[in-house]
């Protein structure tokens, strides 16, 4: 057996640095270093207002409201629907599913794809 087997001087790479649980995205790290603030409270408030408006619609009026939107409006609606799914409140998921069904019927799968691949979120 070699003499240096127990020596740890040969290890030059910190393997703990590459642990999956410690992974930090470079962009997030750069944003934190630049001192960029977290989520904008105005955006969260706007999302809450939109969710409240969507949940207060009558079921019979949803289709008419969706029909009145253009393509960009439907894409924006879908963004807010998915954002609402991220933070569900009481009974919001059922209402959002109704909105999603009507928006999908008008916007098609292209709307979902545009929302899921968009870089800018709401």
PDB file of N, CA and C in Angstrom:
ATOM      1  N   UNK A   1       0.834  -1.174   0.000  1.00  0.00           N
ATOM      2  CA  UNK A   1       0.000   0.000   0.000  1.00  0.00           C
ATOM      3  C   UNK A   1       0.884   1.244   0.000  1.00  0.00           C
ATOM      4  N   UNK A   2       0.489   2.225  -0.768  1.00  0.00           N
ATOM      5  CA  UNK A   2       1.285   3.444  -0.888  1.00  0.00           C
ATOM      6  C   UNK A   2       1.194   4.262   0.394  1.00  0.00           C
ATOM      7  N   UNK A   3       2.210   5.077   0.610  1.00  0.00           N
ATOM      8  CA  UNK A   3       2.246   5.908   1.807  1.00  0.00           C
ATOM      9  C   UNK A   3       1.209   7.019   1.766  1.00  0.00           C
ATOM     10  N   UNK A   4       0.942   7.562   0.569  1.00  0.00           N
ATOM     11  CA  UNK A   4       0.081   8.737   0.452  1.00  0.00           C
ATOM     12  C   UNK A   4      -1.399   8.406   0.278  1.00  0.00           C
ATOM     13  N   UNK A   5      -1.792   7.199   0.537  1.00  0.00           N
ATOM     14  CA  UNK A   5      -3.181   6.805   0.354  1.00  0.00           C
ATOM     15  C   UNK A   5      -4.107   7.592   1.277  1.00  0.00           C
ATOM     16  N   UNK A   6      -3.695   7.854   2.459  1.00  0.00           N
ATOM     17  CA  UNK A   6      -4.531   8.561   3.416  1.00  0.00           C
ATOM     18  C   UNK A   6      -4.414  10.080   3.283  1.00  0.00           C
ATOM     19  N   UNK A   7      -3.520  10.538   2.482  1.00  0.00           N
ATOM     20  CA  UNK A   7      -3.329  11.973   2.308  1.00  0.00           C
ATOM     21  C   UNK A   7      -4.449  12.553   1.457  1.00  0.00           C
ATOM     22  N   UNK A   8      -4.903  13.730   1.813  1.00  0.00           N
ATOM     23  CA  UNK A   8      -5.972  14.377   1.037  1.00  0.00           C
ATOM     24  C   UNK A   8      -5.425  15.531   0.189  1.00  0.00           C
ATOM     25  N   UNK A   9      -4.099  15.651   0.114  1.00  0.00           N
ATOM     26  CA  UNK A   9      -3.507  16.726  -0.669  1.00  0.00           C
ATOM     27  C   UNK A   9      -3.760  16.579  -2.157  1.00  0.00           C
ATOM     28  N   UNK A  10      -4.007  15.369  -2.614  1.00  0.00           N
ATOM     29  CA  UNK A  10      -4.221  15.150  -4.044  1.00  0.00           C
ATOM     30  C   UNK A  10      -5.558  15.720  -4.507  1.00  0.00           C
ATOM     31  N   UNK A  11      -6.489  15.921  -3.596  1.00  0.00           N
ATOM     32  CA  UNK A  11      -7.813  16.397  -3.972  1.00  0.00           C
ATOM     33  C   UNK A  11      -7.779  17.921  -4.156  1.00  0.00           C
ATOM     34  N   UNK A  12      -7.933  18.338  -5.384  1.00  0.00           N
ATOM     35  CA  UNK A  12      -7.897  19.761  -5.690  1.00  0.00           C
ATOM     36  C   UNK A  12      -9.284  20.299  -6.050  1.00  0.00           C
ATOM     37  N   UNK A  13     -10.252  19.410  -6.294  1.00  0.00           N
ATOM     38  CA  UNK A  13     -11.600  19.809  -6.687  1.00  0.00           C
ATOM     39  C   UNK A  13     -12.531  19.613  -5.503  1.00  0.00           C
ATOM     40  N   UNK A  14     -13.287  20.629  -5.201  1.00  0.00           N
ATOM     41  CA  UNK A  14     -14.273  20.529  -4.133  1.00  0.00           C
ATOM     42  C   UNK A  14     -15.528  19.893  -4.714  1.00  0.00           C
ATOM     43  N   UNK A  15     -15.743  18.618  -4.427  1.00  0.00           N
ATOM     44  CA  UNK A  15     -16.874  17.913  -5.028  1.00  0.00           C
ATOM     45  C   UNK A  15     -18.211  18.390  -4.467  1.00  0.00           C
ATOM     46  N   UNK A  16     -18.202  18.971  -3.291  1.00  0.00           N
ATOM     47  CA  UNK A  16     -19.444  19.494  -2.726  1.00  0.00           C
ATOM     48  C   UNK A  16     -19.960  20.692  -3.525  1.00  0.00           C
ATOM     49  N   UNK A  17     -19.096  21.334  -4.246  1.00  0.00           N
ATOM     50  CA  UNK A  17     -19.473  22.483  -5.070  1.00  0.00           C
ATOM     51  C   UNK A  17     -20.405  22.067  -6.208  1.00  0.00           C
ATOM     52  N   UNK A  18     -20.343  20.817  -6.639  1.00  0.00           N
ATOM     53  CA  UNK A  18     -21.134  20.329  -7.758  1.00  0.00           C
ATOM     54  C   UNK A  18     -22.368  19.547  -7.324  1.00  0.00           C
ATOM     55  N   UNK A  19     -22.739  19.656  -6.075  1.00  0.00           N
ATOM     56  CA  UNK A  19     -23.919  18.968  -5.559  1.00  0.00           C
ATOM     57  C   UNK A  19     -25.172  19.522  -6.225  1.00  0.00           C
ATOM     58  N   UNK A  20     -26.077  18.646  -6.683  1.00  0.00           N
ATOM     59  CA  UNK A  20     -27.297  19.068  -7.368  1.00  0.00           C
ATOM     60  C   UNK A  20     -28.158  19.962  -6.500  1.00  0.00           C
ATOM     61  N   UNK A  21     -28.187  19.711  -5.221  1.00  0.00           N
ATOM     62  CA  UNK A  21     -29.034  20.485  -4.322  1.00  0.00           C
ATOM     63  C   UNK A  21     -28.505  21.884  -4.070  1.00  0.00           C
ATOM     64  N   UNK A  22     -27.269  22.135  -4.402  1.00  0.00           N
ATOM     65  CA  UNK A  22     -26.678  23.453  -4.213  1.00  0.00           C
ATOM     66  C   UNK A  22     -26.624  24.258  -5.504  1.00  0.00           C
ATOM     67  N   UNK A  23     -27.222  23.748  -6.579  1.00  0.00           N
ATOM     68  CA  UNK A  23     -27.147  24.410  -7.876  1.00  0.00           C
ATOM     69  C   UNK A  23     -27.817  25.783  -7.828  1.00  0.00           C
ATOM     70  N   UNK A  24     -27.134  26.780  -8.361  1.00  0.00           N
ATOM     71  CA  UNK A  24     -27.668  28.131  -8.469  1.00  0.00           C
ATOM     72  C   UNK A  24     -27.505  28.563  -9.917  1.00  0.00           C
ATOM     73  N   UNK A  25     -28.602  29.000 -10.505  1.00  0.00           N
ATOM     74  CA  UNK A  25     -28.568  29.450 -11.889  1.00  0.00           C
ATOM     75  C   UNK A  25     -27.670  30.682 -11.990  1.00  0.00           C
ATOM     76  N   UNK A  26     -26.894  30.766 -13.056  1.00  0.00           N
ATOM     77  CA  UNK A  26     -25.971  31.884 -13.226  1.00  0.00           C
ATOM     78  C   UNK A  26     -26.712  33.214 -13.312  1.00  0.00           C
ATOM     79  N   UNK A  27     -27.865  33.225 -13.971  1.00  0.00           N
ATOM     80  CA  UNK A  27     -28.625  34.467 -14.083  1.00  0.00           C
ATOM     81  C   UNK A  27     -29.161  34.900 -12.722  1.00  0.00           C
ATOM     82  N   UNK A  28     -29.648  33.953 -11.930  1.00  0.00           N
ATOM     83  CA  UNK A  28     -30.129  34.290 -10.600  1.00  0.00           C
ATOM     84  C   UNK A  28     -28.995  34.806  -9.727  1.00  0.00           C
ATOM     85  N   UNK A  29     -27.845  34.177  -9.869  1.00  0.00           N
ATOM     86  CA  UNK A  29     -26.685  34.597  -9.093  1.00  0.00           C
ATOM     87  C   UNK A  29     -26.259  36.007  -9.491  1.00  0.00           C
ATOM     88  N   UNK A  30     -26.274  36.286 -10.793  1.00  0.00           N
ATOM     89  CA  UNK A  30     -25.907  37.620 -11.272  1.00  0.00           C
ATOM     90  C   UNK A  30     -26.921  38.660 -10.812  1.00  0.00           C
ATOM     91  N   UNK A  31     -28.201  38.303 -10.829  1.00  0.00           N
ATOM     92  CA  UNK A  31     -29.238  39.235 -10.381  1.00  0.00           C
ATOM     93  C   UNK A  31     -29.090  39.527  -8.892  1.00  0.00           C
ATOM     94  N   UNK A  32     -28.775  38.498  -8.116  1.00  0.00           N
ATOM     95  CA  UNK A  32     -28.590  38.697  -6.682  1.00  0.00           C
ATOM     96  C   UNK A  32     -27.361  39.555  -6.413  1.00  0.00           C
ATOM     97  N   UNK A  33     -26.302  39.363  -7.193  1.00  0.00           N
ATOM     98  CA  UNK A  33     -25.085  40.147  -7.012  1.00  0.00           C
ATOM     99  C   UNK A  33     -25.301  41.602  -7.410  1.00  0.00           C
ATOM    100  N   UNK A  34     -26.158  41.820  -8.406  1.00  0.00           N
ATOM    101  CA  UNK A  34     -26.421  43.183  -8.857  1.00  0.00           C
ATOM    102  C   UNK A  34     -27.381  43.904  -7.931  1.00  0.00           C
ATOM    103  N   UNK A  35     -27.978  43.179  -6.997  1.00  0.00           N
ATOM    104  CA  UNK A  35     -28.882  43.813  -6.051  1.00  0.00           C
ATOM    105  C   UNK A  35     -30.267  44.052  -6.617  1.00  0.00           C
ATOM    106  N   UNK A  36     -30.652  43.270  -7.624  1.00  0.00           N
ATOM    107  CA  UNK A  36     -31.993  43.423  -8.178  1.00  0.00           C
ATOM    108  C   UNK A  36     -33.008  42.943  -7.160  1.00  0.00           C
ATOM    109  N   UNK A  37     -34.109  43.669  -7.043  1.00  0.00           N
ATOM    110  CA  UNK A  37     -35.122  43.268  -6.067  1.00  0.00           C
ATOM    111  C   UNK A  37     -35.868  42.017  -6.508  1.00  0.00           C
ATOM    112  N   UNK A  38     -36.605  41.422  -5.590  1.00  0.00           N
ATOM    113  CA  UNK A  38     -37.404  40.237  -5.872  1.00  0.00           C
ATOM    114  C   UNK A  38     -38.645  40.600  -6.652  1.00  0.00           C
ATOM    115  N   UNK A  39     -39.700  39.816  -6.511  1.00  0.00           N
ATOM    116  CA  UNK A  39     -40.930  40.065  -7.257  1.00  0.00           C
ATOM    117  C   UNK A  39     -41.528  41.421  -6.909  1.00  0.00           C
ATOM    118  N   UNK A  40     -42.039  42.076  -7.918  1.00  0.00           N
ATOM    119  CA  UNK A  40     -42.631  43.390  -7.748  1.00  0.00           C
ATOM    120  C   UNK A  40     -43.983  43.249  -7.055  1.00  0.00           C
ATOM    121  N   UNK A  41     -44.196  43.958  -5.942  1.00  0.00           N
ATOM    122  CA  UNK A  41     -45.484  43.845  -5.249  1.00  0.00           C
ATOM    123  C   UNK A  41     -46.651  44.336  -6.102  1.00  0.00           C
ATOM    124  N   UNK A  42     -46.391  45.275  -7.011  1.00  0.00           N
ATOM    125  CA  UNK A  42     -47.462  45.744  -7.893  1.00  0.00           C
ATOM    126  C   UNK A  42     -47.901  44.659  -8.856  1.00  0.00           C
ATOM    127  N   UNK A  43     -46.949  43.837  -9.326  1.00  0.00           N
ATOM    128  CA  UNK A  43     -47.293  42.731 -10.218  1.00  0.00           C
ATOM    129  C   UNK A  43     -48.154  41.711  -9.487  1.00  0.00           C
ATOM    130  N   UNK A  44     -47.789  41.414  -8.249  1.00  0.00           N
ATOM    131  CA  UNK A  44     -48.568  40.449  -7.478  1.00  0.00           C
ATOM    132  C   UNK A  44     -49.968  40.976  -7.202  1.00  0.00           C
ATOM    133  N   UNK A  45     -50.055  42.254  -6.943  1.00  0.00           N
ATOM    134  CA  UNK A  45     -51.376  42.851  -6.709  1.00  0.00           C
ATOM    135  C   UNK A  45     -52.207  42.815  -7.977  1.00  0.00           C
ATOM    136  N   UNK A  46     -51.582  43.085  -9.125  1.00  0.00           N
ATOM    137  CA  UNK A  46     -52.288  43.025 -10.406  1.00  0.00           C
ATOM    138  C   UNK A  46     -52.764  41.607 -10.695  1.00  0.00           C
ATOM    139  N   UNK A  47     -51.930  40.622 -10.386  1.00  0.00           N
ATOM    140  CA  UNK A  47     -52.337  39.235 -10.585  1.00  0.00           C
ATOM    141  C   UNK A  47     -53.525  38.885  -9.702  1.00  0.00           C
ATOM    142  N   UNK A  48     -53.527  39.397  -8.483  1.00  0.00           N
ATOM    143  CA  UNK A  48     -54.648  39.160  -7.576  1.00  0.00           C
ATOM    144  C   UNK A  48     -55.933  39.786  -8.085  1.00  0.00           C
ATOM    145  N   UNK A  49     -55.818  40.990  -8.650  1.00  0.00           N
ATOM    146  CA  UNK A  49     -56.993  41.670  -9.192  1.00  0.00           C
ATOM    147  C   UNK A  49     -57.543  40.907 -10.392  1.00  0.00           C
ATOM    148  N   UNK A  50     -56.666  40.472 -11.288  1.00  0.00           N
ATOM    149  CA  UNK A  50     -57.106  39.726 -12.469  1.00  0.00           C
ATOM    150  C   UNK A  50     -57.773  38.421 -12.042  1.00  0.00           C
ATOM    151  N   UNK A  51     -57.195  37.740 -11.071  1.00  0.00           N
ATOM    152  CA  UNK A  51     -57.781  36.487 -10.594  1.00  0.00           C
ATOM    153  C   UNK A  51     -59.159  36.731  -9.984  1.00  0.00           C
ATOM    154  N   UNK A  52     -59.293  37.826  -9.251  1.00  0.00           N
ATOM    155  CA  UNK A  52     -60.582  38.156  -8.651  1.00  0.00           C
ATOM    156  C   UNK A  52     -61.627  38.443  -9.735  1.00  0.00           C
ATOM    157  N   UNK A  53     -61.221  39.162 -10.779  1.00  0.00           N
ATOM    158  CA  UNK A  53     -62.141  39.462 -11.879  1.00  0.00           C
ATOM    159  C   UNK A  53     -62.561  38.170 -12.577  1.00  0.00           C
ATOM    160  N   UNK A  54     -61.605  37.294 -12.835  1.00  0.00           N
ATOM    161  CA  UNK A  54     -61.923  36.036 -13.519  1.00  0.00           C
ATOM    162  C   UNK A  54     -62.864  35.172 -12.695  1.00  0.00           C
ATOM    163  N   UNK A  55     -62.670  35.132 -11.399  1.00  0.00           N
ATOM    164  CA  UNK A  55     -63.522  34.290 -10.558  1.00  0.00           C
ATOM    165  C   UNK A  55     -64.907  34.892 -10.354  1.00  0.00           C
ATOM    166  N   UNK A  56     -65.060  36.190 -10.545  1.00  0.00           N
ATOM    167  CA  UNK A  56     -66.360  36.821 -10.356  1.00  0.00           C
ATOM    168  C   UNK A  56     -67.233  36.782 -11.604  1.00  0.00           C
ATOM    169  N   UNK A  57     -66.714  36.338 -12.729  1.00  0.00           N
ATOM    170  CA  UNK A  57     -67.514  36.217 -13.951  1.00  0.00           C
ATOM    171  C   UNK A  57     -68.529  35.095 -13.783  1.00  0.00           C
ATOM    172  N   UNK A  58     -69.706  35.270 -14.341  1.00  0.00           N
ATOM    173  CA  UNK A  58     -70.684  34.190 -14.374  1.00  0.00           C
ATOM    174  C   UNK A  58     -70.253  33.187 -15.441  1.00  0.00           C
ATOM    175  N   UNK A  59     -70.562  31.930 -15.220  1.00  0.00           N
ATOM    176  CA  UNK A  59     -70.160  30.882 -16.155  1.00  0.00           C
ATOM    177  C   UNK A  59     -70.719  31.116 -17.553  1.00  0.00           C
ATOM    178  N   UNK A  60     -71.902  31.673 -17.628  1.00  0.00           N
ATOM    179  CA  UNK A  60     -72.528  31.886 -18.932  1.00  0.00           C
ATOM    180  C   UNK A  60     -71.893  33.040 -19.704  1.00  0.00           C
ATOM    181  N   UNK A  61     -71.173  33.918 -19.029  1.00  0.00           N
ATOM    182  CA  UNK A  61     -70.562  35.086 -19.672  1.00  0.00           C
ATOM    183  C   UNK A  61     -69.118  34.851 -20.105  1.00  0.00           C
ATOM    184  N   UNK A  62     -68.529  33.751 -19.672  1.00  0.00           N
ATOM    185  CA  UNK A  62     -67.111  33.502 -19.951  1.00  0.00           C
ATOM    186  C   UNK A  62     -66.861  33.380 -21.451  1.00  0.00           C
ATOM    187  N   UNK A  63     -67.676  32.599 -22.138  1.00  0.00           N
ATOM    188  CA  UNK A  63     -67.452  32.375 -23.562  1.00  0.00           C
ATOM    189  C   UNK A  63     -67.544  33.674 -24.356  1.00  0.00           C
ATOM    190  N   UNK A  64     -68.508  34.506 -24.035  1.00  0.00           N
ATOM    191  CA  UNK A  64     -68.667  35.785 -24.732  1.00  0.00           C
ATOM    192  C   UNK A  64     -67.454  36.690 -24.490  1.00  0.00           C
ATOM    193  N   UNK A  65     -66.953  36.680 -23.264  1.00  0.00           N
ATOM    194  CA  UNK A  65     -65.784  37.503 -22.941  1.00  0.00           C
ATOM    195  C   UNK A  65     -64.555  37.028 -23.704  1.00  0.00           C
ATOM    196  N   UNK A  66     -64.374  35.714 -23.789  1.00  0.00           N
ATOM    197  CA  UNK A  66     -63.215  35.169 -24.498  1.00  0.00           C
ATOM    198  C   UNK A  66     -63.329  35.440 -25.990  1.00  0.00           C
ATOM    199  N   UNK A  67     -64.530  35.343 -26.539  1.00  0.00           N
ATOM    200  CA  UNK A  67     -64.749  35.591 -27.971  1.00  0.00           C
ATOM    201  C   UNK A  67     -64.389  37.029 -28.348  1.00  0.00           C
ATOM    202  N   UNK A  68     -64.496  37.958 -27.404  1.00  0.00           N
ATOM    203  CA  UNK A  68     -64.227  39.359 -27.710  1.00  0.00           C
ATOM    204  C   UNK A  68     -62.734  39.690 -27.743  1.00  0.00           C
ATOM    205  N   UNK A  69     -61.880  38.748 -27.348  1.00  0.00           N
ATOM    206  CA  UNK A  69     -60.434  38.999 -27.293  1.00  0.00           C
ATOM    207  C   UNK A  69     -59.762  38.657 -28.620  1.00  0.00           C
ATOM    208  N   UNK A  70     -58.692  39.403 -28.923  1.00  0.00           N
ATOM    209  CA  UNK A  70     -57.866  39.057 -30.081  1.00  0.00           C
ATOM    210  C   UNK A  70     -56.822  38.023 -29.647  1.00  0.00           C
ATOM    211  N   UNK A  71     -55.935  37.650 -30.559  1.00  0.00           N
ATOM    212  CA  UNK A  71     -54.944  36.607 -30.270  1.00  0.00           C
ATOM    213  C   UNK A  71     -54.043  36.982 -29.100  1.00  0.00           C
ATOM    214  N   UNK A  72     -53.564  38.220 -29.080  1.00  0.00           N
ATOM    215  CA  UNK A  72     -52.687  38.654 -27.989  1.00  0.00           C
ATOM    216  C   UNK A  72     -53.433  38.673 -26.658  1.00  0.00           C
ATOM    217  N   UNK A  73     -54.702  39.052 -26.703  1.00  0.00           N
ATOM    218  CA  UNK A  73     -55.508  39.063 -25.487  1.00  0.00           C
ATOM    219  C   UNK A  73     -55.712  37.667 -24.930  1.00  0.00           C
ATOM    220  N   UNK A  74     -55.923  36.714 -25.817  1.00  0.00           N
ATOM    221  CA  UNK A  74     -56.099  35.333 -25.366  1.00  0.00           C
ATOM    222  C   UNK A  74     -54.796  34.800 -24.779  1.00  0.00           C
ATOM    223  N   UNK A  75     -53.676  35.134 -25.406  1.00  0.00           N
ATOM    224  CA  UNK A  75     -52.381  34.703 -24.863  1.00  0.00           C
ATOM    225  C   UNK A  75     -52.158  35.298 -23.473  1.00  0.00           C
ATOM    226  N   UNK A  76     -52.492  36.562 -23.295  1.00  0.00           N
ATOM    227  CA  UNK A  76     -52.342  37.201 -21.990  1.00  0.00           C
ATOM    228  C   UNK A  76     -53.284  36.565 -20.971  1.00  0.00           C
ATOM    229  N   UNK A  77     -54.503  36.283 -21.392  1.00  0.00           N
ATOM    230  CA  UNK A  77     -55.451  35.597 -20.513  1.00  0.00           C
ATOM    231  C   UNK A  77     -54.898  34.249 -20.078  1.00  0.00           C
ATOM    232  N   UNK A  78     -54.339  33.507 -21.026  1.00  0.00           N
ATOM    233  CA  UNK A  78     -53.756  32.203 -20.697  1.00  0.00           C
ATOM    234  C   UNK A  78     -52.597  32.347 -19.699  1.00  0.00           C
ATOM    235  N   UNK A  79     -51.794  33.400 -19.838  1.00  0.00           N
ATOM    236  CA  UNK A  79     -50.705  33.620 -18.883  1.00  0.00           C
ATOM    237  C   UNK A  79     -51.263  33.804 -17.478  1.00  0.00           C
ATOM    238  N   UNK A  80     -52.324  34.600 -17.374  1.00  0.00           N
ATOM    239  CA  UNK A  80     -52.917  34.821 -16.056  1.00  0.00           C
ATOM    240  C   UNK A  80     -53.603  33.556 -15.536  1.00  0.00           C
ATOM    241  N   UNK A  81     -54.175  32.771 -16.414  1.00  0.00           N
ATOM    242  CA  UNK A  81     -54.795  31.514 -15.987  1.00  0.00           C
ATOM    243  C   UNK A  81     -53.728  30.592 -15.397  1.00  0.00           C
ATOM    244  N   UNK A  82     -52.601  30.444 -16.099  1.00  0.00           N
ATOM    245  CA  UNK A  82     -51.536  29.574 -15.588  1.00  0.00           C
ATOM    246  C   UNK A  82     -50.925  30.127 -14.308  1.00  0.00           C
ATOM    247  N   UNK A  83     -50.821  31.451 -14.214  1.00  0.00           N
ATOM    248  CA  UNK A  83     -50.317  32.058 -12.986  1.00  0.00           C
ATOM    249  C   UNK A  83     -51.282  31.780 -11.838  1.00  0.00           C
ATOM    250  N   UNK A  84     -52.587  31.800 -12.130  1.00  0.00           N
ATOM    251  CA  UNK A  84     -53.583  31.473 -11.114  1.00  0.00           C
ATOM    252  C   UNK A  84     -53.494  30.026 -10.667  1.00  0.00           C
ATOM    253  N   UNK A  85     -53.135  29.132 -11.587  1.00  0.00           N
ATOM    254  CA  UNK A  85     -52.955  27.728 -11.217  1.00  0.00           C
ATOM    255  C   UNK A  85     -51.755  27.548 -10.285  1.00  0.00           C
ATOM    256  N   UNK A  86     -50.762  28.423 -10.395  1.00  0.00           N
ATOM    257  CA  UNK A  86     -49.582  28.323  -9.536  1.00  0.00           C
ATOM    258  C   UNK A  86     -49.928  28.605  -8.086  1.00  0.00           C
ATOM    259  N   UNK A  87     -50.843  29.563  -7.866  1.00  0.00           N
ATOM    260  CA  UNK A  87     -51.218  29.952  -6.503  1.00  0.00           C
ATOM    261  C   UNK A  87     -52.741  29.873  -6.362  1.00  0.00           C
ATOM    262  N   UNK A  88     -53.267  28.661  -6.236  1.00  0.00           N
ATOM    263  CA  UNK A  88     -54.730  28.536  -6.187  1.00  0.00           C
ATOM    264  C   UNK A  88     -55.305  29.059  -4.877  1.00  0.00           C
ATOM    265  N   UNK A  89     -56.501  29.616  -4.985  1.00  0.00           N
ATOM    266  CA  UNK A  89     -57.263  30.017  -3.816  1.00  0.00           C
ATOM    267  C   UNK A  89     -58.537  29.184  -3.802  1.00  0.00           C
ATOM    268  N   UNK A  90     -59.393  29.454  -2.856  1.00  0.00           N
ATOM    269  CA  UNK A  90     -60.619  28.669  -2.737  1.00  0.00           C
ATOM    270  C   UNK A  90     -61.477  28.811  -3.994  1.00  0.00           C
ATOM    271  N   UNK A  91     -61.789  27.702  -4.623  1.00  0.00           N
ATOM    272  CA  UNK A  91     -62.654  27.614  -5.805  1.00  0.00           C
ATOM    273  C   UNK A  91     -62.045  28.241  -7.062  1.00  0.00           C
ATOM    274  N   UNK A  92     -60.831  28.741  -6.992  1.00  0.00           N
ATOM    275  CA  UNK A  92     -60.272  29.397  -8.172  1.00  0.00           C
ATOM    276  C   UNK A  92     -59.905  28.393  -9.265  1.00  0.00           C
ATOM    277  N   UNK A  93     -59.471  27.203  -8.893  1.00  0.00           N
ATOM    278  CA  UNK A  93     -59.040  26.229  -9.903  1.00  0.00           C
ATOM    279  C   UNK A  93     -60.193  25.809 -10.807  1.00  0.00           C
ATOM    280  N   UNK A  94     -61.379  25.615 -10.237  1.00  0.00           N
ATOM    281  CA  UNK A  94     -62.535  25.219 -11.044  1.00  0.00           C
ATOM    282  C   UNK A  94     -62.905  26.317 -12.032  1.00  0.00           C
ATOM    283  N   UNK A  95     -62.877  27.558 -11.569  1.00  0.00           N
ATOM    284  CA  UNK A  95     -63.216  28.681 -12.442  1.00  0.00           C
ATOM    285  C   UNK A  95     -62.150  28.864 -13.507  1.00  0.00           C
ATOM    286  N   UNK A  96     -60.890  28.726 -13.119  1.00  0.00           N
ATOM    287  CA  UNK A  96     -59.799  28.872 -14.088  1.00  0.00           C
ATOM    288  C   UNK A  96     -59.840  27.776 -15.143  1.00  0.00           C
ATOM    289  N   UNK A  97     -60.273  26.584 -14.758  1.00  0.00           N
ATOM    290  CA  UNK A  97     -60.417  25.515 -15.743  1.00  0.00           C
ATOM    291  C   UNK A  97     -61.506  25.849 -16.762  1.00  0.00           C
ATOM    292  N   UNK A  98     -62.579  26.498 -16.317  1.00  0.00           N
ATOM    293  CA  UNK A  98     -63.617  26.926 -17.255  1.00  0.00           C
ATOM    294  C   UNK A  98     -63.064  27.965 -18.224  1.00  0.00           C
ATOM    295  N   UNK A  99     -62.315  28.930 -17.688  1.00  0.00           N
ATOM    296  CA  UNK A  99     -61.696  29.946 -18.546  1.00  0.00           C
ATOM    297  C   UNK A  99     -60.725  29.283 -19.521  1.00  0.00           C
ATOM    298  N   UNK A 100     -59.948  28.325 -19.024  1.00  0.00           N
ATOM    299  CA  UNK A 100     -58.963  27.651 -19.867  1.00  0.00           C
ATOM    300  C   UNK A 100     -59.656  26.912 -20.996  1.00  0.00           C
ATOM    301  N   UNK A 101     -60.749  26.250 -20.692  1.00  0.00           N
ATOM    302  CA  UNK A 101     -61.485  25.518 -21.721  1.00  0.00           C
ATOM    303  C   UNK A 101     -61.959  26.453 -22.830  1.00  0.00           C
ATOM    304  N   UNK A 102     -62.528  27.598 -22.447  1.00  0.00           N
ATOM    305  CA  UNK A 102     -63.042  28.548 -23.443  1.00  0.00           C
ATOM    306  C   UNK A 102     -61.900  29.204 -24.213  1.00  0.00           C
ATOM    307  N   UNK A 103     -60.812  29.542 -23.520  1.00  0.00           N
ATOM    308  CA  UNK A 103     -59.672  30.172 -24.193  1.00  0.00           C
ATOM    309  C   UNK A 103     -58.992  29.195 -25.144  1.00  0.00           C
ATOM    310  N   UNK A 104     -58.932  27.939 -24.769  1.00  0.00           N
ATOM    311  CA  UNK A 104     -58.342  26.920 -25.640  1.00  0.00           C
ATOM    312  C   UNK A 104     -59.194  26.736 -26.891  1.00  0.00           C
ATOM    313  N   UNK A 105     -60.508  26.778 -26.736  1.00  0.00           N
ATOM    314  CA  UNK A 105     -61.397  26.619 -27.884  1.00  0.00           C
ATOM    315  C   UNK A 105     -61.198  27.742 -28.899  1.00  0.00           C
ATOM    316  N   UNK A 106     -60.941  28.940 -28.420  1.00  0.00           N
ATOM    317  CA  UNK A 106     -60.764  30.092 -29.320  1.00  0.00           C
ATOM    318  C   UNK A 106     -59.317  30.203 -29.797  1.00  0.00           C
ATOM    319  N   UNK A 107     -58.355  30.074 -28.880  1.00  0.00           N
ATOM    320  CA  UNK A 107     -56.948  30.295 -29.212  1.00  0.00           C
ATOM    321  C   UNK A 107     -56.231  29.081 -29.760  1.00  0.00           C
ATOM    322  N   UNK A 108     -56.748  27.886 -29.488  1.00  0.00           N
ATOM    323  CA  UNK A 108     -56.115  26.669 -29.962  1.00  0.00           C
ATOM    324  C   UNK A 108     -54.853  26.330 -29.186  1.00  0.00           C
ATOM    325  N   UNK A 109     -54.205  25.258 -29.606  1.00  0.00           N
ATOM    326  CA  UNK A 109     -52.974  24.819 -28.943  1.00  0.00           C
ATOM    327  C   UNK A 109     -51.841  25.818 -29.108  1.00  0.00           C
ATOM    328  N   UNK A 110     -51.889  26.604 -30.172  1.00  0.00           N
ATOM    329  CA  UNK A 110     -50.851  27.609 -30.398  1.00  0.00           C
ATOM    330  C   UNK A 110     -50.766  28.595 -29.252  1.00  0.00           C
ATOM    331  N   UNK A 111     -51.900  28.922 -28.671  1.00  0.00           N
ATOM    332  CA  UNK A 111     -51.916  29.845 -27.544  1.00  0.00           C
ATOM    333  C   UNK A 111     -51.173  29.258 -26.353  1.00  0.00           C
ATOM    334  N   UNK A 112     -51.407  27.992 -26.087  1.00  0.00           N
ATOM    335  CA  UNK A 112     -50.720  27.342 -24.963  1.00  0.00           C
ATOM    336  C   UNK A 112     -49.219  27.296 -25.216  1.00  0.00           C
ATOM    337  N   UNK A 113     -48.844  26.957 -26.431  1.00  0.00           N
ATOM    338  CA  UNK A 113     -47.420  26.861 -26.765  1.00  0.00           C
ATOM    339  C   UNK A 113     -46.752  28.226 -26.647  1.00  0.00           C
ATOM    340  N   UNK A 114     -47.424  29.275 -27.135  1.00  0.00           N
ATOM    341  CA  UNK A 114     -46.846  30.624 -27.028  1.00  0.00           C
ATOM    342  C   UNK A 114     -46.680  31.042 -25.578  1.00  0.00           C
ATOM    343  N   UNK A 115     -47.629  30.689 -24.738  1.00  0.00           N
ATOM    344  CA  UNK A 115     -47.547  31.070 -23.330  1.00  0.00           C
ATOM    345  C   UNK A 115     -46.430  30.308 -22.629  1.00  0.00           C
ATOM    346  N   UNK A 116     -46.340  29.017 -22.888  1.00  0.00           N
ATOM    347  CA  UNK A 116     -45.333  28.212 -22.180  1.00  0.00           C
ATOM    348  C   UNK A 116     -43.915  28.500 -22.665  1.00  0.00           C
ATOM    349  N   UNK A 117     -43.756  28.994 -23.884  1.00  0.00           N
ATOM    350  CA  UNK A 117     -42.415  29.282 -24.394  1.00  0.00           C
ATOM    351  C   UNK A 117     -42.060  30.760 -24.314  1.00  0.00           C
ATOM    352  N   UNK A 118     -42.980  31.588 -23.856  1.00  0.00           N
ATOM    353  CA  UNK A 118     -42.707  33.027 -23.782  1.00  0.00           C
ATOM    354  C   UNK A 118     -41.667  33.310 -22.698  1.00  0.00           C
ATOM    355  N   UNK A 119     -40.784  34.220 -22.991  1.00  0.00           N
ATOM    356  CA  UNK A 119     -39.769  34.607 -22.013  1.00  0.00           C
ATOM    357  C   UNK A 119     -40.342  35.562 -20.984  1.00  0.00           C
ATOM    358  N   UNK A 120     -41.241  36.409 -21.434  1.00  0.00           N
ATOM    359  CA  UNK A 120     -41.830  37.390 -20.526  1.00  0.00           C
ATOM    360  C   UNK A 120     -43.078  36.799 -19.892  1.00  0.00           C
ATOM    361  N   UNK A 121     -43.116  36.806 -18.577  1.00  0.00           N
ATOM    362  CA  UNK A 121     -44.255  36.288 -17.850  1.00  0.00           C
ATOM    363  C   UNK A 121     -45.009  37.413 -17.183  1.00  0.00           C
ATOM    364  N   UNK A 122     -46.166  37.084 -16.650  1.00  0.00           N
ATOM    365  CA  UNK A 122     -46.947  38.102 -15.948  1.00  0.00           C
ATOM    366  C   UNK A 122     -46.727  37.985 -14.472  1.00  0.00           C
TER     367      UNK A 122
END
